[in-house]
Amino acid sequence: MDQQTELFLKKINAKLGENPFGIKIPPPVFTLMEGVLISFDPKKQFVQIKFPVKEAFQNPYGSMQGGMIATAIDNTIGPISMFHKNPNVTQRLEIDYKKMITPDLDFIYVDAWYVSEEGRSIYYEAKVHDEEGEVFTTAKAYHRMIKL
């Protein structure tokens, strides 16, 4: 794991404090997908993480499996949601697959950011793109704050 990603994860762990829920940072699936932090801004609640486009993530047609794209999105929105003032979990994730992610790409980049909140509901958005900025997938995530 690179140094910037380790620093990001340490900041999340520091925010969790005693971690009464036993949250695993980083989650095993993040490590499995080999996510690498590119940038983050905890004040703006923005993060960009890149993931390799691996053969193991392909569907029968040779493009990246939709579920693996969704996992990359969830693995990006999840960490930025940790910087919200209240613990929260995904309630609904809406994904719009615009273009196939083919094996000619080495990496995909996932940007995620906070949009708004109302009551106990929090809204995030994300986009999946290549290094040049071509968008392959967009997502909306609705989170629910946990009652403590």
C-alpha atoms as a PDB file:
ATOM      1  CA  MET A   1       0.000   0.000   0.000  1.00  0.00           C
ATOM      2  CA  ASP A   2       1.381   3.417  -0.898  1.00  0.00           C
ATOM      3  CA  GLN A   3       2.184   6.075   1.701  1.00  0.00           C
ATOM      4  CA  GLN A   4      -0.657   8.467   0.776  1.00  0.00           C
ATOM      5  CA  THR A   5      -3.262   5.702   1.042  1.00  0.00           C
ATOM      6  CA  GLU A   6      -1.843   4.684   4.443  1.00  0.00           C
ATOM      7  CA  LEU A   7      -2.099   8.297   5.661  1.00  0.00           C
ATOM      8  CA  PHE A   8      -5.707   8.514   4.444  1.00  0.00           C
ATOM      9  CA  LEU A   9      -6.613   5.286   6.242  1.00  0.00           C
ATOM     10  CA  LYS A  10      -4.884   6.501   9.426  1.00  0.00           C
ATOM     11  CA  LYS A  11      -6.997   9.662   9.318  1.00  0.00           C
ATOM     12  CA  ILE A  12     -10.149   7.556   9.006  1.00  0.00           C
ATOM     13  CA  ASN A  13      -9.039   5.386  11.941  1.00  0.00           C
ATOM     14  CA  ALA A  14      -8.294   8.522  13.985  1.00  0.00           C
ATOM     15  CA  LYS A  15     -11.787   9.849  13.231  1.00  0.00           C
ATOM     16  CA  LEU A  16     -13.319   6.541  14.312  1.00  0.00           C
ATOM     17  CA  GLY A  17     -11.584   6.807  17.675  1.00  0.00           C
ATOM     18  CA  GLU A  18     -12.397   3.802  19.821  1.00  0.00           C
ATOM     19  CA  ASN A  19     -14.294   2.218  16.904  1.00  0.00           C
ATOM     20  CA  PRO A  20     -17.153   0.669  18.904  1.00  0.00           C
ATOM     21  CA  PHE A  21     -18.556  -1.036  15.781  1.00  0.00           C
ATOM     22  CA  GLY A  22     -15.341  -2.967  14.997  1.00  0.00           C
ATOM     23  CA  ILE A  23     -15.006  -1.333  11.575  1.00  0.00           C
ATOM     24  CA  LYS A  24     -12.095  -2.762   9.530  1.00  0.00           C
ATOM     25  CA  ILE A  25      -9.988  -0.050   7.894  1.00  0.00           C
ATOM     26  CA  PRO A  26      -9.101  -0.787   5.176  1.00  0.00           C
ATOM     27  CA  PRO A  27     -11.842  -3.315   4.480  1.00  0.00           C
ATOM     28  CA  PRO A  28     -10.564  -6.604   3.021  1.00  0.00           C
ATOM     29  CA  VAL A  29     -12.324  -5.944  -0.309  1.00  0.00           C
ATOM     30  CA  PHE A  30     -10.424  -2.639  -0.744  1.00  0.00           C
ATOM     31  CA  THR A  31      -7.158  -4.518  -0.316  1.00  0.00           C
ATOM     32  CA  LEU A  32      -8.334  -7.270  -2.700  1.00  0.00           C
ATOM     33  CA  MET A  33      -9.156  -4.684  -5.378  1.00  0.00           C
ATOM     34  CA  GLU A  34      -5.748  -3.005  -4.888  1.00  0.00           C
ATOM     35  CA  GLY A  35      -7.182   0.498  -4.504  1.00  0.00           C
ATOM     36  CA  VAL A  36      -4.707   3.385  -4.423  1.00  0.00           C
ATOM     37  CA  LEU A  37      -5.601   6.816  -3.119  1.00  0.00           C
ATOM     38  CA  ILE A  38      -4.891   9.608  -5.614  1.00  0.00           C
ATOM     39  CA  SER A  39      -6.333  12.589  -3.718  1.00  0.00           C
ATOM     40  CA  PHE A  40      -8.678  13.482  -0.901  1.00  0.00           C
ATOM     41  CA  ASP A  41     -10.084  16.547   0.782  1.00  0.00           C
ATOM     42  CA  PRO A  42     -11.816  15.710   4.071  1.00  0.00           C
ATOM     43  CA  LYS A  43     -13.249  19.233   4.401  1.00  0.00           C
ATOM     44  CA  LYS A  44     -14.962  19.039   0.997  1.00  0.00           C
ATOM     45  CA  GLN A  45     -15.604  15.308   1.500  1.00  0.00           C
ATOM     46  CA  PHE A  46     -14.014  14.449  -1.858  1.00  0.00           C
ATOM     47  CA  VAL A  47     -11.799  11.479  -2.727  1.00  0.00           C
ATOM     48  CA  GLN A  48     -10.263   9.941  -5.847  1.00  0.00           C
ATOM     49  CA  ILE A  49      -9.077   6.330  -5.811  1.00  0.00           C
ATOM     50  CA  LYS A  50      -7.680   4.310  -8.712  1.00  0.00           C
ATOM     51  CA  PHE A  51      -8.226   0.596  -9.212  1.00  0.00           C
ATOM     52  CA  PRO A  52      -6.486  -1.730 -11.647  1.00  0.00           C
ATOM     53  CA  VAL A  53      -8.521  -3.226 -14.481  1.00  0.00           C
ATOM     54  CA  LYS A  54      -7.612  -6.863 -13.880  1.00  0.00           C
ATOM     55  CA  GLU A  55      -8.490  -9.950 -15.871  1.00  0.00           C
ATOM     56  CA  ALA A  56      -9.953 -11.417 -12.676  1.00  0.00           C
ATOM     57  CA  PHE A  57     -12.554  -8.590 -12.715  1.00  0.00           C
ATOM     58  CA  GLN A  58     -13.794  -9.346 -16.257  1.00  0.00           C
ATOM     59  CA  ASN A  59     -17.210 -10.572 -17.281  1.00  0.00           C
ATOM     60  CA  PRO A  60     -17.624 -13.227 -20.036  1.00  0.00           C
ATOM     61  CA  TYR A  61     -17.386 -10.496 -22.699  1.00  0.00           C
ATOM     62  CA  GLY A  62     -13.939  -9.386 -21.531  1.00  0.00           C
ATOM     63  CA  SER A  63     -14.992  -6.053 -20.058  1.00  0.00           C
ATOM     64  CA  MET A  64     -14.985  -5.164 -16.377  1.00  0.00           C
ATOM     65  CA  GLN A  65     -17.876  -6.847 -14.559  1.00  0.00           C
ATOM     66  CA  GLY A  66     -20.604  -4.409 -13.489  1.00  0.00           C
ATOM     67  CA  GLY A  67     -20.471  -5.732  -9.946  1.00  0.00           C
ATOM     68  CA  MET A  68     -16.744  -5.014  -9.753  1.00  0.00           C
ATOM     69  CA  ILE A  69     -17.355  -1.467 -11.000  1.00  0.00           C
ATOM     70  CA  ALA A  70     -20.028  -1.096  -8.311  1.00  0.00           C
ATOM     71  CA  THR A  71     -17.563  -2.432  -5.743  1.00  0.00           C
ATOM     72  CA  ALA A  72     -14.949   0.134  -6.829  1.00  0.00           C
ATOM     73  CA  ILE A  73     -17.580   2.879  -6.452  1.00  0.00           C
ATOM     74  CA  ASP A  74     -18.648   1.615  -3.032  1.00  0.00           C
ATOM     75  CA  ASN A  75     -14.972   1.368  -1.990  1.00  0.00           C
ATOM     76  CA  THR A  76     -14.593   5.062  -2.859  1.00  0.00           C
ATOM     77  CA  ILE A  77     -17.815   6.495  -1.462  1.00  0.00           C
ATOM     78  CA  GLY A  78     -17.404   4.452   1.734  1.00  0.00           C
ATOM     79  CA  PRO A  79     -14.109   6.035   2.814  1.00  0.00           C
ATOM     80  CA  ILE A  80     -15.252   9.591   2.105  1.00  0.00           C
ATOM     81  CA  SER A  81     -18.462   8.936   4.058  1.00  0.00           C
ATOM     82  CA  MET A  82     -16.249   8.207   7.083  1.00  0.00           C
ATOM     83  CA  PHE A  83     -15.384  11.915   7.182  1.00  0.00           C
ATOM     84  CA  HIS A  84     -19.023  12.880   7.692  1.00  0.00           C
ATOM     85  CA  LYS A  85     -19.822  14.156  11.168  1.00  0.00           C
ATOM     86  CA  ASN A  86     -22.071  11.126  11.849  1.00  0.00           C
ATOM     87  CA  PRO A  87     -21.524   7.422  11.120  1.00  0.00           C
ATOM     88  CA  ASN A  88     -23.570   6.336   8.089  1.00  0.00           C
ATOM     89  CA  VAL A  89     -24.147   3.339   5.848  1.00  0.00           C
ATOM     90  CA  THR A  90     -25.246   2.834   2.255  1.00  0.00           C
ATOM     91  CA  GLN A  91     -29.004   2.576   1.921  1.00  0.00           C
ATOM     92  CA  ARG A  92     -29.227   2.651  -1.887  1.00  0.00           C
ATOM     93  CA  LEU A  93     -26.682   2.816  -4.706  1.00  0.00           C
ATOM     94  CA  GLU A  94     -27.869   3.815  -8.200  1.00  0.00           C
ATOM     95  CA  ILE A  95     -25.434   3.163 -11.046  1.00  0.00           C
ATOM     96  CA  ASP A  96     -25.582   4.304 -14.664  1.00  0.00           C
ATOM     97  CA  TYR A  97     -23.211   2.260 -16.855  1.00  0.00           C
ATOM     98  CA  LYS A  98     -22.447   4.482 -19.846  1.00  0.00           C
ATOM     99  CA  LYS A  99     -19.589   2.641 -21.569  1.00  0.00           C
ATOM    100  CA  MET A 100     -17.772  -0.688 -21.161  1.00  0.00           C
ATOM    101  CA  ILE A 101     -14.449  -0.705 -19.336  1.00  0.00           C
ATOM    102  CA  THR A 102     -12.206  -2.808 -21.563  1.00  0.00           C
ATOM    103  CA  PRO A 103      -8.884  -4.537 -20.797  1.00  0.00           C
ATOM    104  CA  ASP A 104      -6.902  -1.931 -22.768  1.00  0.00           C
ATOM    105  CA  LEU A 105      -7.196   0.310 -19.680  1.00  0.00           C
ATOM    106  CA  ASP A 106      -4.669  -0.307 -16.928  1.00  0.00           C
ATOM    107  CA  PHE A 107      -6.661   1.600 -14.289  1.00  0.00           C
ATOM    108  CA  ILE A 108     -10.003   3.214 -13.623  1.00  0.00           C
ATOM    109  CA  TYR A 109     -10.325   6.286 -11.441  1.00  0.00           C
ATOM    110  CA  VAL A 110     -13.285   6.765  -9.132  1.00  0.00           C
ATOM    111  CA  ASP A 111     -14.128  10.235  -7.837  1.00  0.00           C
ATOM    112  CA  ALA A 112     -16.661  10.505  -5.018  1.00  0.00           C
ATOM    113  CA  TRP A 113     -18.019  13.519  -3.207  1.00  0.00           C
ATOM    114  CA  TYR A 114     -20.600  14.651  -0.677  1.00  0.00           C
ATOM    115  CA  VAL A 115     -23.634  16.423  -2.145  1.00  0.00           C
ATOM    116  CA  SER A 116     -26.178  17.107   0.611  1.00  0.00           C
ATOM    117  CA  GLU A 117     -28.112  15.788   3.570  1.00  0.00           C
ATOM    118  CA  GLU A 118     -31.623  15.964   4.925  1.00  0.00           C
ATOM    119  CA  GLY A 119     -32.544  14.596   8.306  1.00  0.00           C
ATOM    120  CA  ARG A 120     -30.714  11.272   8.650  1.00  0.00           C
ATOM    121  CA  SER A 121     -30.242  10.892   4.861  1.00  0.00           C
ATOM    122  CA  ILE A 122     -26.949  11.783   3.147  1.00  0.00           C
ATOM    123  CA  TYR A 123     -26.435  11.974  -0.596  1.00  0.00           C
ATOM    124  CA  TYR A 124     -23.127  11.279  -2.405  1.00  0.00           C
ATOM    125  CA  GLU A 125     -22.215  11.106  -6.090  1.00  0.00           C
ATOM    126  CA  ALA A 126     -19.409   9.367  -7.948  1.00  0.00           C
ATOM    127  CA  LYS A 127     -18.010   8.931 -11.417  1.00  0.00           C
ATOM    128  CA  VAL A 128     -15.704   6.330 -12.938  1.00  0.00           C
ATOM    129  CA  HIS A 129     -13.315   7.586 -15.586  1.00  0.00           C
ATOM    130  CA  ASP A 130      -9.977   6.914 -17.249  1.00  0.00           C
ATOM    131  CA  GLU A 131      -6.796   8.941 -16.848  1.00  0.00           C
ATOM    132  CA  GLU A 132      -7.872  11.329 -19.630  1.00  0.00           C
ATOM    133  CA  GLY A 133     -11.242  11.966 -17.961  1.00  0.00           C
ATOM    134  CA  GLU A 134     -13.527   9.881 -20.207  1.00  0.00           C
ATOM    135  CA  VAL A 135     -16.512   8.896 -18.038  1.00  0.00           C
ATOM    136  CA  PHE A 136     -17.627   5.251 -18.051  1.00  0.00           C
ATOM    137  CA  THR A 137     -20.016   5.138 -15.120  1.00  0.00           C
ATOM    138  CA  THR A 138     -21.826   7.537 -12.793  1.00  0.00           C
ATOM    139  CA  ALA A 139     -23.458   6.769  -9.467  1.00  0.00           C
ATOM    140  CA  LYS A 140     -25.659   8.230  -6.768  1.00  0.00           C
ATOM    141  CA  ALA A 141     -25.482   6.891  -3.236  1.00  0.00           C
ATOM    142  CA  TYR A 142     -28.041   7.438  -0.531  1.00  0.00           C
ATOM    143  CA  HIS A 143     -26.699   6.840   2.967  1.00  0.00           C
ATOM    144  CA  ARG A 144     -28.494   6.695   6.279  1.00  0.00           C
ATOM    145  CA  MET A 145     -26.984   8.015   9.490  1.00  0.00           C
ATOM    146  CA  ILE A 146     -26.756   5.410  12.221  1.00  0.00           C
ATOM    147  CA  LYS A 147     -28.666   6.164  15.407  1.00  0.00           C
ATOM    148  CA  LEU A 148     -26.199   6.071  18.285  1.00  0.00           C
END
